[in-house]
């Protein structure tokens, strides 16, 4: 099974269902509810879910925002190294190389991954 982080982050319930199905396990409604609340928090449910925890240590986050966070945290030289050595794997799994493009790295309206990619067809389901 191939499960990209971005696919899971953009549609957590679908990703969770695929993972549980792959493992041969049923998805409990309580797990679905928890995932929905933690992946798409409001201020109200964030406070509720983090009760008893220091809020600044709570790891609840908007999953779709997390998909792009790396763009501001990874150094350009590190991206160059990854793209150089992982170019083929990136292509097979639908990731677009940045190739030092400031426009690509800074514009979050430009996705850096595609919905259709070669490795997606390797497995059924």
Foldseek 3Di string as FASTA:
>chain_A
DDDDLLVCLVPVVVSVCVVCVVVVHDDDPVNVVVCVCQQQPDPVVLCVVCPPHDSVPDPRDNSNVVVLPVLVVDDPVRLVVCCVVCVVVCQQQFFARCVPPPCCSPDPVDDRGDPDGNVVPVDDD
